[in-house]
Structures are given as structure tokens and as C-alpha cells.
PDB file of N, CA and C in Angstrom:
ATOM      1  N   MET A   1      -7.954  16.176  -9.741  1.00  0.00           N
ATOM      2  CA  MET A   1      -6.817  16.603  -8.968  1.00  0.00           C
ATOM      3  C   MET A   1      -7.336  17.410  -7.776  1.00  0.00           C
ATOM      4  N   LYS A   2      -7.075  16.920  -6.587  1.00  0.00           N
ATOM      5  CA  LYS A   2      -7.512  17.606  -5.374  1.00  0.00           C
ATOM      6  C   LYS A   2      -6.324  18.352  -4.781  1.00  0.00           C
ATOM      7  N   LEU A   3      -6.522  19.631  -4.496  1.00  0.00           N
ATOM      8  CA  LEU A   3      -5.467  20.456  -3.912  1.00  0.00           C
ATOM      9  C   LEU A   3      -5.722  20.634  -2.428  1.00  0.00           C
ATOM     10  N   LEU A   4      -4.676  20.532  -1.648  1.00  0.00           N
ATOM     11  CA  LEU A   4      -4.751  20.753  -0.203  1.00  0.00           C
ATOM     12  C   LEU A   4      -3.819  21.902   0.152  1.00  0.00           C
ATOM     13  N   ARG A   5      -4.190  22.700   1.141  1.00  0.00           N
ATOM     14  CA  ARG A   5      -3.383  23.869   1.505  1.00  0.00           C
ATOM     15  C   ARG A   5      -2.630  23.647   2.802  1.00  0.00           C
ATOM     16  N   LYS A   6      -1.452  24.228   2.858  1.00  0.00           N
ATOM     17  CA  LYS A   6      -0.656  24.280   4.070  1.00  0.00           C
ATOM     18  C   LYS A   6      -0.810  25.687   4.641  1.00  0.00           C
ATOM     19  N   SER A   7      -0.515  25.880   5.892  1.00  0.00           N
ATOM     20  CA  SER A   7      -0.763  27.157   6.554  1.00  0.00           C
ATOM     21  C   SER A   7      -0.023  28.336   5.929  1.00  0.00           C
ATOM     22  N   ASN A   8       1.137  28.116   5.344  1.00  0.00           N
ATOM     23  CA  ASN A   8       1.875  29.250   4.775  1.00  0.00           C
ATOM     24  C   ASN A   8       1.600  29.420   3.279  1.00  0.00           C
ATOM     25  N   ASN A   9       0.395  29.031   2.843  1.00  0.00           N
ATOM     26  CA  ASN A   9      -0.123  29.262   1.492  1.00  0.00           C
ATOM     27  C   ASN A   9       0.583  28.477   0.392  1.00  0.00           C
ATOM     28  N   ILE A  10       1.297  27.429   0.735  1.00  0.00           N
ATOM     29  CA  ILE A  10       1.835  26.539  -0.291  1.00  0.00           C
ATOM     30  C   ILE A  10       0.742  25.545  -0.623  1.00  0.00           C
ATOM     31  N   VAL A  11       0.470  25.356  -1.907  1.00  0.00           N
ATOM     32  CA  VAL A  11      -0.579  24.445  -2.340  1.00  0.00           C
ATOM     33  C   VAL A  11       0.059  23.112  -2.719  1.00  0.00           C
ATOM     34  N   PHE A  12      -0.423  22.035  -2.131  1.00  0.00           N
ATOM     35  CA  PHE A  12       0.048  20.694  -2.447  1.00  0.00           C
ATOM     36  C   PHE A  12      -1.082  19.907  -3.105  1.00  0.00           C
ATOM     37  N   GLU A  13      -0.716  18.900  -3.859  1.00  0.00           N
ATOM     38  CA  GLU A  13      -1.706  18.018  -4.455  1.00  0.00           C
ATOM     39  C   GLU A  13      -1.835  16.771  -3.593  1.00  0.00           C
ATOM     40  N   GLN A  14      -3.040  16.236  -3.530  1.00  0.00           N
ATOM     41  CA  GLN A  14      -3.300  15.088  -2.667  1.00  0.00           C
ATOM     42  C   GLN A  14      -2.499  13.867  -3.106  1.00  0.00           C
ATOM     43  N   HIS A  15      -2.342  13.669  -4.400  1.00  0.00           N
ATOM     44  CA  HIS A  15      -1.573  12.536  -4.930  1.00  0.00           C
ATOM     45  C   HIS A  15      -0.216  13.049  -5.392  1.00  0.00           C
ATOM     46  N   SER A  16       0.846  12.619  -4.705  1.00  0.00           N
ATOM     47  CA  SER A  16       2.194  13.101  -5.004  1.00  0.00           C
ATOM     48  C   SER A  16       3.153  11.929  -5.151  1.00  0.00           C
ATOM     49  N   LEU A  17       4.279  12.188  -5.774  1.00  0.00           N
ATOM     50  CA  LEU A  17       5.260  11.169  -6.107  1.00  0.00           C
ATOM     51  C   LEU A  17       6.642  11.604  -5.644  1.00  0.00           C
ATOM     52  N   VAL A  18       7.369  10.705  -5.010  1.00  0.00           N
ATOM     53  CA  VAL A  18       8.784  10.939  -4.683  1.00  0.00           C
ATOM     54  C   VAL A  18       9.590  10.120  -5.690  1.00  0.00           C
ATOM     55  N   ASP A  19      10.506  10.780  -6.395  1.00  0.00           N
ATOM     56  CA  ASP A  19      11.282  10.087  -7.422  1.00  0.00           C
ATOM     57  C   ASP A  19      12.596  10.832  -7.651  1.00  0.00           C
ATOM     58  N   GLU A  20      13.407  10.265  -8.520  1.00  0.00           N
ATOM     59  CA  GLU A  20      14.660  10.908  -8.904  1.00  0.00           C
ATOM     60  C   GLU A  20      14.478  11.530 -10.276  1.00  0.00           C
ATOM     61  N   MET A  21      15.273  12.563 -10.573  1.00  0.00           N
ATOM     62  CA  MET A  21      15.271  13.147 -11.901  1.00  0.00           C
ATOM     63  C   MET A  21      16.672  13.666 -12.207  1.00  0.00           C
ATOM     64  N   MET A  22      16.946  13.767 -13.486  1.00  0.00           N
ATOM     65  CA  MET A  22      18.247  14.267 -13.937  1.00  0.00           C
ATOM     66  C   MET A  22      18.057  15.626 -14.591  1.00  0.00           C
ATOM     67  N   VAL A  23      18.929  16.562 -14.262  1.00  0.00           N
ATOM     68  CA  VAL A  23      18.981  17.864 -14.919  1.00  0.00           C
ATOM     69  C   VAL A  23      20.194  17.827 -15.820  1.00  0.00           C
ATOM     70  N   ARG A  24      19.961  17.980 -17.127  1.00  0.00           N
ATOM     71  CA  ARG A  24      21.028  17.855 -18.117  1.00  0.00           C
ATOM     72  C   ARG A  24      22.148  18.859 -17.840  1.00  0.00           C
ATOM     73  N   TYR A  25      23.379  18.348 -17.838  1.00  0.00           N
ATOM     74  CA  TYR A  25      24.558  19.190 -17.655  1.00  0.00           C
ATOM     75  C   TYR A  25      25.745  18.469 -18.269  1.00  0.00           C
ATOM     76  N   CYS A  26      26.432  19.138 -19.188  1.00  0.00           N
ATOM     77  CA  CYS A  26      27.558  18.495 -19.888  1.00  0.00           C
ATOM     78  C   CYS A  26      28.895  19.144 -19.563  1.00  0.00           C
ATOM     79  N   GLY A  27      28.927  20.130 -18.699  1.00  0.00           N
ATOM     80  CA  GLY A  27      30.169  20.794 -18.334  1.00  0.00           C
ATOM     81  C   GLY A  27      30.988  19.976 -17.344  1.00  0.00           C
ATOM     82  N   HIS A  28      32.045  20.595 -16.828  1.00  0.00           N
ATOM     83  CA  HIS A  28      32.907  19.933 -15.851  1.00  0.00           C
ATOM     84  C   HIS A  28      32.513  20.384 -14.448  1.00  0.00           C
ATOM     85  N   GLN A  29      32.127  19.431 -13.632  1.00  0.00           N
ATOM     86  CA  GLN A  29      31.697  19.734 -12.269  1.00  0.00           C
ATOM     87  C   GLN A  29      31.714  18.436 -11.486  1.00  0.00           C
ATOM     88  N   GLY A  30      32.090  18.475 -10.224  1.00  0.00           N
ATOM     89  CA  GLY A  30      32.276  17.269  -9.421  1.00  0.00           C
ATOM     90  C   GLY A  30      31.018  16.488  -9.087  1.00  0.00           C
ATOM     91  N   LEU A  31      29.860  17.133  -9.044  1.00  0.00           N
ATOM     92  CA  LEU A  31      28.630  16.437  -8.671  1.00  0.00           C
ATOM     93  C   LEU A  31      27.894  15.843  -9.868  1.00  0.00           C
ATOM     94  N   LYS A  32      28.449  16.010 -11.052  1.00  0.00           N
ATOM     95  CA  LYS A  32      27.797  15.488 -12.253  1.00  0.00           C
ATOM     96  C   LYS A  32      27.770  13.968 -12.214  1.00  0.00           C
ATOM     97  N   LYS A  33      26.657  13.375 -12.619  1.00  0.00           N
ATOM     98  CA  LYS A  33      26.471  11.926 -12.622  1.00  0.00           C
ATOM     99  C   LYS A  33      26.341  11.409 -14.045  1.00  0.00           C
ATOM    100  N   PHE A  34      26.678  10.150 -14.234  1.00  0.00           N
ATOM    101  CA  PHE A  34      26.455   9.447 -15.490  1.00  0.00           C
ATOM    102  C   PHE A  34      25.604   8.223 -15.184  1.00  0.00           C
ATOM    103  N   ILE A  35      24.452   8.119 -15.831  1.00  0.00           N
ATOM    104  CA  ILE A  35      23.578   6.971 -15.648  1.00  0.00           C
ATOM    105  C   ILE A  35      23.329   6.347 -17.018  1.00  0.00           C
ATOM    106  N   ARG A  36      23.883   5.173 -17.222  1.00  0.00           N
ATOM    107  CA  ARG A  36      23.768   4.462 -18.495  1.00  0.00           C
ATOM    108  C   ARG A  36      22.311   4.053 -18.747  1.00  0.00           C
ATOM    109  N   GLY A  37      21.859   4.199 -19.995  1.00  0.00           N
ATOM    110  CA  GLY A  37      20.535   3.755 -20.392  1.00  0.00           C
ATOM    111  C   GLY A  37      19.402   4.722 -20.092  1.00  0.00           C
ATOM    112  N   LYS A  38      19.705   5.921 -19.633  1.00  0.00           N
ATOM    113  CA  LYS A  38      18.663   6.920 -19.346  1.00  0.00           C
ATOM    114  C   LYS A  38      18.607   7.931 -20.492  1.00  0.00           C
ATOM    115  N   PRO A  39      17.462   8.582 -20.708  1.00  0.00           N
ATOM    116  CA  PRO A  39      17.379   9.607 -21.762  1.00  0.00           C
ATOM    117  C   PRO A  39      18.355  10.766 -21.537  1.00  0.00           C
ATOM    118  N   ILE A  40      18.524  11.173 -20.286  1.00  0.00           N
ATOM    119  CA  ILE A  40      19.535  12.183 -19.945  1.00  0.00           C
ATOM    120  C   ILE A  40      20.620  11.443 -19.184  1.00  0.00           C
ATOM    121  N   ARG A  41      21.753  11.170 -19.867  1.00  0.00           N
ATOM    122  CA  ARG A  41      22.789  10.334 -19.251  1.00  0.00           C
ATOM    123  C   ARG A  41      23.752  11.136 -18.381  1.00  0.00           C
ATOM    124  N   PHE A  42      23.997  12.403 -18.719  1.00  0.00           N
ATOM    125  CA  PHE A  42      24.923  13.234 -17.954  1.00  0.00           C
ATOM    126  C   PHE A  42      24.160  14.382 -17.316  1.00  0.00           C
ATOM    127  N   GLY A  43      24.402  14.616 -16.039  1.00  0.00           N
ATOM    128  CA  GLY A  43      23.753  15.733 -15.387  1.00  0.00           C
ATOM    129  C   GLY A  43      23.790  15.634 -13.885  1.00  0.00           C
ATOM    130  N   HIS A  44      22.977  16.463 -13.260  1.00  0.00           N
ATOM    131  CA  HIS A  44      22.871  16.488 -11.809  1.00  0.00           C
ATOM    132  C   HIS A  44      21.642  15.694 -11.399  1.00  0.00           C
ATOM    133  N   LYS A  45      21.808  14.801 -10.439  1.00  0.00           N
ATOM    134  CA  LYS A  45      20.718  13.964  -9.962  1.00  0.00           C
ATOM    135  C   LYS A  45      20.008  14.680  -8.821  1.00  0.00           C
ATOM    136  N   LEU A  46      18.686  14.758  -8.915  1.00  0.00           N
ATOM    137  CA  LEU A  46      17.869  15.405  -7.890  1.00  0.00           C
ATOM    138  C   LEU A  46      16.838  14.416  -7.376  1.00  0.00           C
ATOM    139  N   TRP A  47      16.548  14.489  -6.078  1.00  0.00           N
ATOM    140  CA  TRP A  47      15.407  13.794  -5.496  1.00  0.00           C
ATOM    141  C   TRP A  47      14.285  14.811  -5.504  1.00  0.00           C
ATOM    142  N   SER A  48      13.057  14.391  -5.830  1.00  0.00           N
ATOM    143  CA  SER A  48      11.978  15.367  -5.941  1.00  0.00           C
ATOM    144  C   SER A  48      10.657  14.836  -5.397  1.00  0.00           C
ATOM    145  N   LEU A  49       9.823  15.760  -4.951  1.00  0.00           N
ATOM    146  CA  LEU A  49       8.441  15.497  -4.559  1.00  0.00           C
ATOM    147  C   LEU A  49       7.572  16.273  -5.534  1.00  0.00           C
ATOM    148  N   CYS A  50       6.862  15.551  -6.391  1.00  0.00           N
ATOM    149  CA  CYS A  50       6.060  16.183  -7.437  1.00  0.00           C
ATOM    150  C   CYS A  50       4.607  15.767  -7.309  1.00  0.00           C
ATOM    151  N   GLY A  51       3.711  16.656  -7.715  1.00  0.00           N
ATOM    152  CA  GLY A  51       2.285  16.366  -7.707  1.00  0.00           C
ATOM    153  C   GLY A  51       1.865  15.644  -8.976  1.00  0.00           C
ATOM    154  N   SER A  52       0.622  15.234  -9.038  1.00  0.00           N
ATOM    155  CA  SER A  52       0.114  14.510 -10.208  1.00  0.00           C
ATOM    156  C   SER A  52       0.078  15.387 -11.463  1.00  0.00           C
ATOM    157  N   SER A  53       0.114  16.702 -11.300  1.00  0.00           N
ATOM    158  CA  SER A  53       0.157  17.608 -12.449  1.00  0.00           C
ATOM    159  C   SER A  53       1.575  17.785 -12.986  1.00  0.00           C
ATOM    160  N   GLY A  54       2.577  17.284 -12.254  1.00  0.00           N
ATOM    161  CA  GLY A  54       3.963  17.422 -12.674  1.00  0.00           C
ATOM    162  C   GLY A  54       4.706  18.552 -11.989  1.00  0.00           C
ATOM    163  N   TYR A  55       4.009  19.353 -11.193  1.00  0.00           N
ATOM    164  CA  TYR A  55       4.644  20.466 -10.488  1.00  0.00           C
ATOM    165  C   TYR A  55       5.531  19.933  -9.366  1.00  0.00           C
ATOM    166  N   CYS A  56       6.748  20.455  -9.268  1.00  0.00           N
ATOM    167  CA  CYS A  56       7.705  20.019  -8.250  1.00  0.00           C
ATOM    168  C   CYS A  56       7.538  20.873  -6.993  1.00  0.00           C
ATOM    169  N   PHE A  57       7.221  20.230  -5.855  1.00  0.00           N
ATOM    170  CA  PHE A  57       7.018  20.937  -4.596  1.00  0.00           C
ATOM    171  C   PHE A  57       8.277  21.018  -3.755  1.00  0.00           C
ATOM    172  N   ASN A  58       9.142  20.021  -3.864  1.00  0.00           N
ATOM    173  CA  ASN A  58      10.356  19.974  -3.053  1.00  0.00           C
ATOM    174  C   ASN A  58      11.397  19.187  -3.833  1.00  0.00           C
ATOM    175  N   PHE A  59      12.660  19.583  -3.740  1.00  0.00           N
ATOM    176  CA  PHE A  59      13.720  18.823  -4.374  1.00  0.00           C
ATOM    177  C   PHE A  59      14.996  18.956  -3.567  1.00  0.00           C
ATOM    178  N   SER A  60      15.900  18.019  -3.787  1.00  0.00           N
ATOM    179  CA  SER A  60      17.171  18.002  -3.075  1.00  0.00           C
ATOM    180  C   SER A  60      18.236  17.447  -4.010  1.00  0.00           C
ATOM    181  N   LEU A  61      19.369  18.102  -4.081  1.00  0.00           N
ATOM    182  CA  LEU A  61      20.475  17.657  -4.926  1.00  0.00           C
ATOM    183  C   LEU A  61      21.161  16.462  -4.296  1.00  0.00           C
ATOM    184  N   TYR A  62      21.397  15.413  -5.088  1.00  0.00           N
ATOM    185  CA  TYR A  62      22.135  14.242  -4.607  1.00  0.00           C
ATOM    186  C   TYR A  62      23.617  14.600  -4.565  1.00  0.00           C
ATOM    187  N   CYS A  63      24.216  14.509  -3.397  1.00  0.00           N
ATOM    188  CA  CYS A  63      25.616  14.906  -3.211  1.00  0.00           C
ATOM    189  C   CYS A  63      26.527  13.725  -2.918  1.00  0.00           C
ATOM    190  N   GLY A  64      26.075  12.523  -3.140  1.00  0.00           N
ATOM    191  CA  GLY A  64      26.891  11.346  -2.880  1.00  0.00           C
ATOM    192  C   GLY A  64      26.590  10.750  -1.523  1.00  0.00           C
ATOM    193  N   LYS A  65      27.296   9.694  -1.212  1.00  0.00           N
ATOM    194  CA  LYS A  65      27.085   9.016   0.063  1.00  0.00           C
ATOM    195  C   LYS A  65      27.681   9.831   1.201  1.00  0.00           C
ATOM    196  N   GLY A  66      26.954   9.874   2.296  1.00  0.00           N
ATOM    197  CA  GLY A  66      27.432  10.576   3.479  1.00  0.00           C
ATOM    198  C   GLY A  66      27.381   9.655   4.682  1.00  0.00           C
ATOM    199  N   LYS A  67      27.692  10.183   5.849  1.00  0.00           N
ATOM    200  CA  LYS A  67      27.650   9.401   7.087  1.00  0.00           C
ATOM    201  C   LYS A  67      26.246   8.896   7.373  1.00  0.00           C
ATOM    202  N   GLU A  68      25.244   9.735   7.034  1.00  0.00           N
ATOM    203  CA  GLU A  68      23.854   9.387   7.299  1.00  0.00           C
ATOM    204  C   GLU A  68      23.425   8.138   6.534  1.00  0.00           C
ATOM    205  N   GLN A  69      23.997   7.944   5.349  1.00  0.00           N
ATOM    206  CA  GLN A  69      23.569   6.827   4.513  1.00  0.00           C
ATOM    207  C   GLN A  69      23.948   5.486   5.126  1.00  0.00           C
ATOM    208  N   VAL A  70      24.978   5.444   5.930  1.00  0.00           N
ATOM    209  CA  VAL A  70      25.368   4.202   6.588  1.00  0.00           C
ATOM    210  C   VAL A  70      24.306   3.794   7.614  1.00  0.00           C
ATOM    211  N   GLN A  71      23.736   4.786   8.296  1.00  0.00           N
ATOM    212  CA  GLN A  71      22.755   4.505   9.342  1.00  0.00           C
ATOM    213  C   GLN A  71      21.361   4.218   8.794  1.00  0.00           C
ATOM    214  N   LYS A  72      20.949   4.884   7.734  1.00  0.00           N
ATOM    215  CA  LYS A  72      19.620   4.706   7.163  1.00  0.00           C
ATOM    216  C   LYS A  72      19.738   4.354   5.685  1.00  0.00           C
ATOM    217  N   ALA A  73      18.775   3.590   5.186  1.00  0.00           N
ATOM    218  CA  ALA A  73      18.723   3.302   3.761  1.00  0.00           C
ATOM    219  C   ALA A  73      18.415   4.589   3.005  1.00  0.00           C
ATOM    220  N   VAL A  74      18.924   4.695   1.790  1.00  0.00           N
ATOM    221  CA  VAL A  74      18.744   5.917   1.009  1.00  0.00           C
ATOM    222  C   VAL A  74      17.261   6.217   0.797  1.00  0.00           C
ATOM    223  N   GLY A  75      16.443   5.206   0.590  1.00  0.00           N
ATOM    224  CA  GLY A  75      15.014   5.422   0.375  1.00  0.00           C
ATOM    225  C   GLY A  75      14.333   6.048   1.569  1.00  0.00           C
ATOM    226  N   THR A  76      14.622   5.551   2.745  1.00  0.00           N
ATOM    227  CA  THR A  76      14.028   6.079   3.969  1.00  0.00           C
ATOM    228  C   THR A  76      14.449   7.521   4.192  1.00  0.00           C
ATOM    229  N   ARG A  77      15.719   7.795   4.011  1.00  0.00           N
ATOM    230  CA  ARG A  77      16.243   9.139   4.232  1.00  0.00           C
ATOM    231  C   ARG A  77      15.642  10.148   3.257  1.00  0.00           C
ATOM    232  N   VAL A  78      15.591   9.793   1.971  1.00  0.00           N
ATOM    233  CA  VAL A  78      15.100  10.712   0.944  1.00  0.00           C
ATOM    234  C   VAL A  78      13.606  10.978   1.104  1.00  0.00           C
ATOM    235  N   VAL A  79      12.808   9.941   1.266  1.00  0.00           N
ATOM    236  CA  VAL A  79      11.362  10.126   1.375  1.00  0.00           C
ATOM    237  C   VAL A  79      11.018  10.934   2.622  1.00  0.00           C
ATOM    238  N   ASN A  80      11.652  10.655   3.750  1.00  0.00           N
ATOM    239  CA  ASN A  80      11.395  11.439   4.965  1.00  0.00           C
ATOM    240  C   ASN A  80      11.761  12.902   4.771  1.00  0.00           C
ATOM    241  N   LYS A  81      12.872  13.164   4.073  1.00  0.00           N
ATOM    242  CA  LYS A  81      13.283  14.546   3.819  1.00  0.00           C
ATOM    243  C   LYS A  81      12.286  15.264   2.911  1.00  0.00           C
ATOM    244  N   MET A  82      11.785  14.567   1.901  1.00  0.00           N
ATOM    245  CA  MET A  82      10.819  15.173   0.986  1.00  0.00           C
ATOM    246  C   MET A  82       9.486  15.452   1.682  1.00  0.00           C
ATOM    247  N   LEU A  83       9.084  14.589   2.611  1.00  0.00           N
ATOM    248  CA  LEU A  83       7.797  14.746   3.283  1.00  0.00           C
ATOM    249  C   LEU A  83       7.850  15.704   4.475  1.00  0.00           C
ATOM    250  N   ASP A  84       9.043  16.181   4.845  1.00  0.00           N
ATOM    251  CA  ASP A  84       9.172  17.106   5.979  1.00  0.00           C
ATOM    252  C   ASP A  84       8.395  18.403   5.783  1.00  0.00           C
ATOM    253  N   ILE A  85       8.175  18.835   4.552  1.00  0.00           N
ATOM    254  CA  ILE A  85       7.496  20.108   4.313  1.00  0.00           C
ATOM    255  C   ILE A  85       5.976  19.996   4.421  1.00  0.00           C
ATOM    256  N   ILE A  86       5.459  18.761   4.528  1.00  0.00           N
ATOM    257  CA  ILE A  86       4.014  18.548   4.619  1.00  0.00           C
ATOM    258  C   ILE A  86       3.602  18.511   6.086  1.00  0.00           C
ATOM    259  N   GLU A  87       2.656  19.390   6.453  1.00  0.00           N
ATOM    260  CA  GLU A  87       2.205  19.473   7.847  1.00  0.00           C
ATOM    261  C   GLU A  87       1.332  18.299   8.269  1.00  0.00           C
ATOM    262  N   ASN A  88       0.376  17.914   7.428  1.00  0.00           N
ATOM    263  CA  ASN A  88      -0.586  16.880   7.779  1.00  0.00           C
ATOM    264  C   ASN A  88      -0.483  15.727   6.773  1.00  0.00           C
ATOM    265  N   PRO A  89       0.511  14.845   6.920  1.00  0.00           N
ATOM    266  CA  PRO A  89       0.727  13.792   5.931  1.00  0.00           C
ATOM    267  C   PRO A  89      -0.432  12.808   5.785  1.00  0.00           C
ATOM    268  N   SER A  90      -1.309  12.713   6.777  1.00  0.00           N
ATOM    269  CA  SER A  90      -2.405  11.749   6.695  1.00  0.00           C
ATOM    270  C   SER A  90      -3.418  12.113   5.609  1.00  0.00           C
ATOM    271  N   SER A  91      -3.365  13.336   5.091  1.00  0.00           N
ATOM    272  CA  SER A  91      -4.289  13.774   4.040  1.00  0.00           C
ATOM    273  C   SER A  91      -3.784  13.459   2.633  1.00  0.00           C
ATOM    274  N   TYR A  92      -2.634  12.844   2.513  1.00  0.00           N
ATOM    275  CA  TYR A  92      -1.993  12.666   1.214  1.00  0.00           C
ATOM    276  C   TYR A  92      -1.790  11.198   0.866  1.00  0.00           C
ATOM    277  N   GLN A  93      -1.701  10.942  -0.431  1.00  0.00           N
ATOM    278  CA  GLN A  93      -1.321   9.635  -0.961  1.00  0.00           C
ATOM    279  C   GLN A  93       0.025   9.840  -1.651  1.00  0.00           C
ATOM    280  N   ILE A  94       1.059   9.156  -1.171  1.00  0.00           N
ATOM    281  CA  ILE A  94       2.410   9.307  -1.703  1.00  0.00           C
ATOM    282  C   ILE A  94       2.793   8.032  -2.453  1.00  0.00           C
ATOM    283  N   TYR A  95       3.377   8.196  -3.634  1.00  0.00           N
ATOM    284  CA  TYR A  95       3.805   7.075  -4.454  1.00  0.00           C
ATOM    285  C   TYR A  95       5.319   7.138  -4.621  1.00  0.00           C
ATOM    286  N   PHE A  96       5.966   5.980  -4.708  1.00  0.00           N
ATOM    287  CA  PHE A  96       7.395   5.915  -5.010  1.00  0.00           C
ATOM    288  C   PHE A  96       7.713   4.557  -5.596  1.00  0.00           C
ATOM    289  N   ASP A  97       8.876   4.455  -6.225  1.00  0.00           N
ATOM    290  CA  ASP A  97       9.221   3.200  -6.895  1.00  0.00           C
ATOM    291  C   ASP A  97      10.191   2.366  -6.061  1.00  0.00           C
ATOM    292  N   ASN A  98      10.724   1.317  -6.665  1.00  0.00           N
ATOM    293  CA  ASN A  98      11.516   0.338  -5.913  1.00  0.00           C
ATOM    294  C   ASN A  98      12.862   0.866  -5.419  1.00  0.00           C
ATOM    295  N   ILE A  99      13.311   2.008  -5.885  1.00  0.00           N
ATOM    296  CA  ILE A  99      14.551   2.602  -5.365  1.00  0.00           C
ATOM    297  C   ILE A  99      14.368   2.956  -3.886  1.00  0.00           C
ATOM    298  N   PHE A 100      13.176   3.407  -3.526  1.00  0.00           N
ATOM    299  CA  PHE A 100      12.897   3.902  -2.188  1.00  0.00           C
ATOM    300  C   PHE A 100      12.252   2.868  -1.271  1.00  0.00           C
ATOM    301  N   SER A 101      11.576   1.897  -1.834  1.00  0.00           N
ATOM    302  CA  SER A 101      10.778   0.947  -1.044  1.00  0.00           C
ATOM    303  C   SER A 101      11.640   0.039  -0.179  1.00  0.00           C
ATOM    304  N   ASN A 102      11.380   0.052   1.105  1.00  0.00           N
ATOM    305  CA  ASN A 102      11.981  -0.892   2.047  1.00  0.00           C
ATOM    306  C   ASN A 102      11.109  -0.943   3.295  1.00  0.00           C
ATOM    307  N   TYR A 103      11.289  -1.955   4.075  1.00  0.00           N
ATOM    308  CA  TYR A 103      10.443  -2.185   5.246  1.00  0.00           C
ATOM    309  C   TYR A 103      10.514  -1.029   6.247  1.00  0.00           C
ATOM    310  N   ASN A 104      11.719  -0.522   6.514  1.00  0.00           N
ATOM    311  CA  ASN A 104      11.882   0.574   7.479  1.00  0.00           C
ATOM    312  C   ASN A 104      11.144   1.836   7.041  1.00  0.00           C
ATOM    313  N   LEU A 105      11.134   2.094   5.728  1.00  0.00           N
ATOM    314  CA  LEU A 105      10.416   3.259   5.216  1.00  0.00           C
ATOM    315  C   LEU A 105       8.921   3.116   5.451  1.00  0.00           C
ATOM    316  N   PHE A 106       8.368   1.937   5.161  1.00  0.00           N
ATOM    317  CA  PHE A 106       6.937   1.733   5.369  1.00  0.00           C
ATOM    318  C   PHE A 106       6.564   1.860   6.852  1.00  0.00           C
ATOM    319  N   GLU A 107       7.444   1.413   7.738  1.00  0.00           N
ATOM    320  CA  GLU A 107       7.198   1.570   9.176  1.00  0.00           C
ATOM    321  C   GLU A 107       7.228   3.041   9.586  1.00  0.00           C
ATOM    322  N   ALA A 108       8.197   3.804   9.065  1.00  0.00           N
ATOM    323  CA  ALA A 108       8.313   5.230   9.401  1.00  0.00           C
ATOM    324  C   ALA A 108       7.108   6.011   8.890  1.00  0.00           C
ATOM    325  N   ILE A 109       6.642   5.691   7.702  1.00  0.00           N
ATOM    326  CA  ILE A 109       5.494   6.393   7.134  1.00  0.00           C
ATOM    327  C   ILE A 109       4.206   5.996   7.848  1.00  0.00           C
ATOM    328  N   LYS A 110       4.143   4.752   8.304  1.00  0.00           N
ATOM    329  CA  LYS A 110       2.962   4.290   9.050  1.00  0.00           C
ATOM    330  C   LYS A 110       2.777   5.118  10.324  1.00  0.00           C
ATOM    331  N   GLU A 111       3.878   5.499  10.970  1.00  0.00           N
ATOM    332  CA  GLU A 111       3.811   6.323  12.183  1.00  0.00           C
ATOM    333  C   GLU A 111       3.241   7.708  11.893  1.00  0.00           C
ATOM    334  N   LYS A 112       3.455   8.206  10.664  1.00  0.00           N
ATOM    335  CA  LYS A 112       2.930   9.516  10.271  1.00  0.00           C
ATOM    336  C   LYS A 112       1.490   9.431   9.780  1.00  0.00           C
ATOM    337  N   SER A 113       0.952   8.224   9.671  1.00  0.00           N
ATOM    338  CA  SER A 113      -0.411   7.969   9.176  1.00  0.00           C
ATOM    339  C   SER A 113      -0.596   8.433   7.739  1.00  0.00           C
ATOM    340  N   CYS A 114       0.462   8.395   6.967  1.00  0.00           N
ATOM    341  CA  CYS A 114       0.408   8.791   5.564  1.00  0.00           C
ATOM    342  C   CYS A 114       0.096   7.557   4.714  1.00  0.00           C
ATOM    343  N   LYS A 115      -0.738   7.718   3.690  1.00  0.00           N
ATOM    344  CA  LYS A 115      -1.054   6.627   2.788  1.00  0.00           C
ATOM    345  C   LYS A 115       0.012   6.553   1.703  1.00  0.00           C
ATOM    346  N   THR A 116       0.553   5.369   1.475  1.00  0.00           N
ATOM    347  CA  THR A 116       1.628   5.215   0.494  1.00  0.00           C
ATOM    348  C   THR A 116       1.389   4.029  -0.422  1.00  0.00           C
ATOM    349  N   THR A 117       2.001   4.117  -1.590  1.00  0.00           N
ATOM    350  CA  THR A 117       2.045   3.005  -2.533  1.00  0.00           C
ATOM    351  C   THR A 117       3.464   2.956  -3.050  1.00  0.00           C
ATOM    352  N   GLY A 118       4.130   1.827  -2.866  1.00  0.00           N
ATOM    353  CA  GLY A 118       5.511   1.690  -3.328  1.00  0.00           C
ATOM    354  C   GLY A 118       5.674   0.429  -4.142  1.00  0.00           C
ATOM    355  N   ALA A 119       6.470   0.508  -5.178  1.00  0.00           N
ATOM    356  CA  ALA A 119       6.759  -0.663  -6.006  1.00  0.00           C
ATOM    357  C   ALA A 119       7.854  -1.477  -5.344  1.00  0.00           C
ATOM    358  N   MET A 120       7.755  -2.774  -5.442  1.00  0.00           N
ATOM    359  CA  MET A 120       8.769  -3.673  -4.905  1.00  0.00           C
ATOM    360  C   MET A 120       9.325  -4.512  -6.053  1.00  0.00           C
ATOM    361  N   GLN A 121      10.590  -4.864  -5.948  1.00  0.00           N
ATOM    362  CA  GLN A 121      11.227  -5.680  -6.973  1.00  0.00           C
ATOM    363  C   GLN A 121      11.507  -7.058  -6.419  1.00  0.00           C
ATOM    364  N   ASN A 122      11.136  -8.072  -7.162  1.00  0.00           N
ATOM    365  CA  ASN A 122      11.365  -9.453  -6.763  1.00  0.00           C
ATOM    366  C   ASN A 122      12.789  -9.845  -7.159  1.00  0.00           C
ATOM    367  N   LYS A 123      13.608 -10.199  -6.187  1.00  0.00           N
ATOM    368  CA  LYS A 123      14.999 -10.568  -6.493  1.00  0.00           C
ATOM    369  C   LYS A 123      15.241 -12.012  -6.215  1.00  0.00           C
TER     370      LYS A 123
END
């Protein structure tokens, strides 16, 4: 595990992952999600940037579809938001799954010179 430093003393790991996660919540609240077939079916959905050790460096609460989602694919928007806190993206390897993978995202990340690996689904 290789650690890289940012100027304001936040330590990042060279190999990081952008993914979704659920925080268990069974009460009554408008942002609560239900995802069938998941280990945590009820809760709050978060987008996260985590290192290979499992430490979460950045996260964002999913608040539903907004105006921005019409203009950009959800994968492009989420990954760009998660990577905003990294000063020198060319030093990192970022992984994500087929929820985020799309052509526009790979083009946007290519401009940042960041190394990425994304899963694609054959439809």
C-alpha cells in the first residue's frame, strides 16, 4: 500500500475505489432507499472514495435525481465529484464498477491524466 500526501496533510492511498455504499437505517426519513437483493436493503445511499485499506476519504449522500443528472451521466458526475479533493490525479490508480463506467467519464478522466480501471457490462 503506497500512501501519497496532499498539501493540507490529508493522506491518500495510491490505489482507490469509487463505489456506492448503504448505511443501515430503518426509521422514517425521505432520503431512505430500498435496494432489493443487497445485504443492507434499507438505508441511506452514499457515493464514496475509499482506499485499498478500506478507509473512506470522501463521500456524498445520494439525494435523488437533480437538474445536473439530465446533463451528465450519474457515473461521470459522481466520479468527478469524488476526485475533486485530489490535487495531482496523475499519481493515482482509480477503480470503479459498471455503474459509473461510460465513454464520457473515461474522456474526462483522460484529460486529468489519471489512471483508471472500470468494469463494463455487455448488454
